[in-house]
Amino acid sequence: MGDLTSLHSQAKKLIFLIREGLDKLEAAEHGSRFGDPAAMARDLKRQFGDLQKITNDMESVWRMFVIRETTAKRAVWKGKVEQVVEEVDVIRRALDRYGTREQRRAAEREDREELLARGEAGRRAKQGMDEEAQVAGSIGRSKRALEEIYETGTHILGSMAASRERLKSAQRKVLDVINSVGMGETLLRLIERRQRMDIWMTYGGMVVVLLVVILLMWLFWR
């Protein structure tokens, strides 16, 4: 534990540094380029811890000092110690206010991140719904296309069946005509055969008559 004068000097130096750091910290909170507010706050808290220790040492030394020194000196040092204690209390409140502001900013960041996460989740959900709607639309279009193809195929099959029946009917008519033509050709062949037989019989009769005439003439002239 050092003497009172040395402790008071250390305390005033730290108070000056901490006040200067608080001003920079406040400026950094508003966007000035003094550094990272979080790192600055950590340094200030460390310095404030050292200041509290020195202040406690000052109060302890001052109580012992009261016993040994005169009334005038006791009054002077009492004022100095109380001033340091008051300044320490002011710095404590300033750091507490910064801590409160930092907690509020952290809560706001968490709220923003949560809102962004919800928005992202909502966007993804909407995207998923849109994709599902697109898939459903594609399935619906495919279903309609299949139904149209089915109807077209059914119509074609019906047309083919009707054509098949018409072809069968035409085939039957053609077969009837062919059968009729076949019977006519048979009759024509029979008629032609009869005509050829008649011609051969005529020619044969003429040849026989001619031979008989020649035979008679030969017998007569003999």
Protein backbone atom coordinates (compact mmCIF):
# COMPACT_ATOMS: atom_id res chain seq x y z
CA MET A 1 0.00 0.00 0.00
CA GLY A 2 1.67 3.23 -1.11
CA ASP A 3 1.51 6.58 0.61
CA LEU A 4 -1.52 8.86 0.25
CA THR A 5 0.11 11.34 -2.12
CA SER A 6 1.22 8.63 -4.57
CA LEU A 7 -2.17 6.92 -4.47
CA HIS A 8 -3.94 10.22 -5.05
CA SER A 9 -1.70 10.97 -8.02
CA GLN A 10 -2.36 7.53 -9.54
CA ALA A 11 -6.09 7.94 -8.98
CA LYS A 12 -6.22 11.39 -10.65
CA LYS A 13 -4.21 10.06 -13.62
CA LEU A 14 -6.59 7.12 -14.07
CA ILE A 15 -9.61 9.39 -13.69
CA PHE A 16 -8.29 11.61 -16.48
CA LEU A 17 -7.59 8.63 -18.75
CA ILE A 18 -10.99 7.08 -18.06
CA ARG A 19 -12.86 10.35 -18.68
CA GLU A 20 -10.99 10.78 -21.95
CA GLY A 21 -11.81 7.17 -22.85
CA LEU A 22 -15.50 7.73 -22.02
CA ASP A 23 -15.61 10.71 -24.38
CA LYS A 24 -14.05 8.62 -27.16
CA LEU A 25 -16.42 5.76 -26.38
CA GLU A 26 -19.43 8.03 -26.66
CA ALA A 27 -18.11 9.40 -29.95
CA ALA A 28 -17.49 5.85 -31.21
CA GLU A 29 -21.09 4.97 -30.35
CA HIS A 30 -22.20 7.67 -32.77
CA GLY A 31 -19.99 6.40 -35.59
CA SER A 32 -16.69 8.24 -35.07
CA ARG A 33 -13.48 6.42 -36.05
CA PHE A 34 -11.96 6.02 -32.61
CA GLY A 35 -11.98 2.24 -32.70
CA ASP A 36 -14.16 -0.65 -31.68
CA PRO A 37 -16.58 0.44 -28.92
CA ALA A 38 -16.62 -3.04 -27.40
CA ALA A 39 -12.80 -3.14 -27.12
CA MET A 40 -12.73 0.41 -25.76
CA ALA A 41 -15.35 -0.51 -23.15
CA ARG A 42 -13.29 -3.50 -22.04
CA ASP A 43 -10.19 -1.30 -21.57
CA LEU A 44 -12.21 1.27 -19.61
CA LYS A 45 -13.63 -1.39 -17.31
CA ARG A 46 -10.14 -2.71 -16.67
CA GLN A 47 -8.88 0.80 -15.87
CA PHE A 48 -11.92 1.42 -13.67
CA GLY A 49 -11.11 -1.77 -11.73
CA ASP A 50 -7.60 -0.43 -11.09
CA LEU A 51 -9.10 2.92 -10.04
CA GLN A 52 -11.44 1.26 -7.56
CA LYS A 53 -8.52 -0.62 -5.99
CA ILE A 54 -6.46 2.57 -5.66
CA THR A 55 -9.47 4.40 -4.20
CA ASN A 56 -9.99 1.70 -1.61
CA ASP A 57 -6.30 1.91 -0.70
CA MET A 58 -6.61 5.71 -0.42
CA GLU A 59 -9.53 5.43 1.99
CA SER A 60 -7.62 2.93 4.13
CA VAL A 61 -4.47 5.11 4.24
CA TRP A 62 -6.52 8.21 4.93
CA ARG A 63 -8.13 6.62 8.01
CA MET A 64 -4.64 5.92 9.39
CA PHE A 65 -3.53 9.39 8.31
CA VAL A 66 -6.30 10.99 10.36
CA ILE A 67 -4.81 9.62 13.54
CA ARG A 68 -1.32 11.01 12.94
CA GLU A 69 -1.79 14.36 11.18
CA THR A 70 -3.12 17.73 12.25
CA THR A 71 -6.68 18.85 11.80
CA ALA A 72 -5.84 21.10 8.86
CA LYS A 73 -4.10 18.36 6.91
CA ARG A 74 -6.88 15.92 7.75
CA ALA A 75 -9.43 18.35 6.30
CA VAL A 76 -7.40 18.84 3.12
CA TRP A 77 -6.97 15.14 2.50
CA LYS A 78 -10.54 14.41 3.42
CA GLY A 79 -11.64 16.74 0.64
CA LYS A 80 -9.23 15.13 -1.82
CA VAL A 81 -10.31 11.59 -0.96
CA GLU A 82 -14.00 12.48 -1.10
CA GLN A 83 -13.47 14.17 -4.48
CA VAL A 84 -11.81 11.01 -5.84
CA VAL A 85 -14.64 8.86 -4.44
CA GLU A 86 -17.25 11.15 -6.07
CA GLU A 87 -15.44 11.05 -9.42
CA VAL A 88 -15.22 7.26 -9.17
CA ASP A 89 -18.97 7.16 -8.56
CA VAL A 90 -19.59 9.41 -11.59
CA ILE A 91 -17.43 7.16 -13.75
CA ARG A 92 -19.28 4.09 -12.42
CA ARG A 93 -22.64 5.60 -13.42
CA ALA A 94 -21.26 6.52 -16.87
CA LEU A 95 -20.06 2.96 -17.40
CA ASP A 96 -23.39 1.63 -16.15
CA ARG A 97 -25.23 3.84 -18.63
CA TYR A 98 -23.00 2.57 -21.42
CA GLY A 99 -23.70 -1.00 -20.29
CA THR A 100 -27.44 -0.27 -20.37
CA ARG A 101 -27.18 1.23 -23.85
CA GLU A 102 -25.11 -1.73 -25.01
CA GLN A 103 -27.67 -4.17 -23.63
CA ARG A 104 -30.42 -2.27 -25.42
CA ARG A 105 -28.44 -2.30 -28.67
CA ALA A 106 -27.76 -6.02 -28.25
CA ALA A 107 -31.47 -6.63 -27.68
CA GLU A 108 -32.28 -4.56 -30.77
CA ARG A 109 -29.73 -6.53 -32.80
CA GLU A 110 -31.27 -9.77 -31.59
CA ASP A 111 -34.73 -8.47 -32.49
CA ARG A 112 -33.52 -7.44 -35.95
CA GLU A 113 -31.81 -10.76 -36.47
CA GLU A 114 -34.94 -12.56 -35.32
CA LEU A 115 -37.08 -10.47 -37.66
CA LEU A 116 -34.64 -11.10 -40.49
CA ALA A 117 -34.65 -14.80 -39.67
CA ARG A 118 -38.45 -14.78 -39.66
CA GLY A 119 -38.46 -12.83 -42.90
CA GLU A 120 -36.00 -15.27 -44.41
CA ALA A 121 -38.06 -18.17 -43.12
CA GLY A 122 -41.18 -16.53 -44.54
CA ARG A 123 -39.41 -15.93 -47.84
CA ARG A 124 -38.27 -19.54 -47.95
CA ALA A 125 -41.75 -20.72 -47.02
CA LYS A 126 -43.23 -18.53 -49.76
CA GLN A 127 -40.62 -19.79 -52.18
CA GLY A 128 -41.48 -23.35 -51.17
CA MET A 129 -45.18 -22.61 -51.64
CA ASP A 130 -44.48 -21.04 -55.03
CA GLU A 131 -42.44 -24.07 -56.04
CA GLU A 132 -45.22 -26.36 -54.84
CA ALA A 133 -47.72 -24.26 -56.76
CA GLN A 134 -45.54 -24.49 -59.87
CA VAL A 135 -45.25 -28.25 -59.42
CA ALA A 136 -49.01 -28.49 -58.90
CA GLY A 137 -49.55 -26.35 -62.01
CA SER A 138 -47.18 -28.54 -64.00
CA ILE A 139 -48.96 -31.66 -62.74
CA GLY A 140 -52.31 -30.10 -63.63
CA ARG A 141 -51.10 -29.18 -67.10
CA SER A 142 -49.63 -32.66 -67.55
CA LYS A 143 -52.91 -34.19 -66.38
CA ARG A 144 -54.90 -32.06 -68.83
CA ALA A 145 -52.47 -32.97 -71.61
CA LEU A 146 -52.84 -36.67 -70.76
CA GLU A 147 -56.62 -36.30 -70.70
CA GLU A 148 -56.52 -34.62 -74.11
CA ILE A 149 -54.24 -37.37 -75.42
CA TYR A 150 -56.58 -39.98 -73.95
CA GLU A 151 -59.61 -38.33 -75.53
CA THR A 152 -57.80 -38.01 -78.85
CA GLY A 153 -56.72 -41.68 -78.67
CA THR A 154 -60.26 -42.73 -77.76
CA HIS A 155 -61.63 -40.73 -80.69
CA ILE A 156 -59.04 -42.25 -83.02
CA LEU A 157 -59.81 -45.75 -81.78
CA GLY A 158 -63.52 -45.07 -82.24
CA SER A 159 -62.88 -43.77 -85.73
CA MET A 160 -60.72 -46.80 -86.46
CA ALA A 161 -63.44 -49.10 -85.16
CA ALA A 162 -66.03 -47.35 -87.33
CA SER A 163 -63.66 -47.50 -90.30
CA ARG A 164 -63.10 -51.17 -89.55
CA GLU A 165 -66.83 -51.81 -89.62
CA ARG A 166 -67.14 -49.87 -92.86
CA LEU A 167 -64.24 -51.84 -94.30
CA LYS A 168 -65.84 -55.08 -93.20
CA SER A 169 -69.09 -54.01 -94.86
CA ALA A 170 -67.24 -52.99 -98.03
CA GLN A 171 -65.31 -56.23 -97.90
CA ARG A 172 -68.51 -58.20 -97.70
CA LYS A 173 -69.92 -56.25 -100.66
CA VAL A 174 -66.74 -56.79 -102.64
CA LEU A 175 -66.83 -60.48 -101.80
CA ASP A 176 -70.44 -60.60 -102.95
CA VAL A 177 -69.51 -58.85 -106.17
CA ILE A 178 -66.51 -61.11 -106.59
CA ASN A 179 -68.67 -64.13 -105.99
CA SER A 180 -71.19 -62.79 -108.51
CA VAL A 181 -68.44 -62.13 -111.01
CA GLY A 182 -67.05 -65.57 -110.39
CA MET A 183 -70.41 -67.17 -111.23
CA GLY A 184 -70.72 -65.05 -114.43
CA GLU A 185 -67.28 -66.10 -115.55
CA THR A 186 -68.26 -69.75 -115.03
CA LEU A 187 -71.30 -69.26 -117.20
CA LEU A 188 -69.21 -67.50 -119.84
CA ARG A 189 -66.72 -70.33 -119.82
CA LEU A 190 -69.57 -72.83 -120.26
CA ILE A 191 -71.03 -70.81 -123.12
CA GLU A 192 -67.65 -70.50 -124.81
CA ARG A 193 -67.10 -74.22 -124.40
CA ARG A 194 -70.52 -74.96 -125.88
CA GLN A 195 -69.80 -72.63 -128.78
CA ARG A 196 -66.46 -74.32 -129.44
CA MET A 197 -68.20 -77.71 -129.30
CA ASP A 198 -70.85 -76.48 -131.74
CA ILE A 199 -68.16 -75.20 -134.12
CA TRP A 200 -66.29 -78.48 -133.96
CA MET A 201 -69.55 -80.41 -134.50
CA THR A 202 -70.38 -78.18 -137.50
CA TYR A 203 -66.95 -78.57 -138.99
CA GLY A 204 -67.01 -82.29 -138.24
CA GLY A 205 -70.42 -82.66 -139.91
CA MET A 206 -69.21 -80.73 -142.95
CA VAL A 207 -66.13 -82.95 -143.18
CA VAL A 208 -68.30 -86.08 -142.85
CA VAL A 209 -70.73 -84.82 -145.55
CA LEU A 210 -67.81 -83.91 -147.78
CA LEU A 211 -66.29 -87.35 -147.30
CA VAL A 212 -69.66 -89.00 -148.07
CA VAL A 213 -70.06 -86.92 -151.23
CA ILE A 214 -66.54 -87.78 -152.36
CA LEU A 215 -67.18 -91.42 -151.60
CA LEU A 216 -70.45 -91.42 -153.58
CA MET A 217 -68.80 -89.61 -156.50
CA TRP A 218 -66.01 -92.13 -156.47
CA LEU A 219 -68.46 -95.01 -156.45
CA PHE A 220 -70.56 -93.34 -159.16
CA TRP A 221 -67.68 -92.66 -161.47
CA ARG A 222 -66.26 -96.05 -160.94
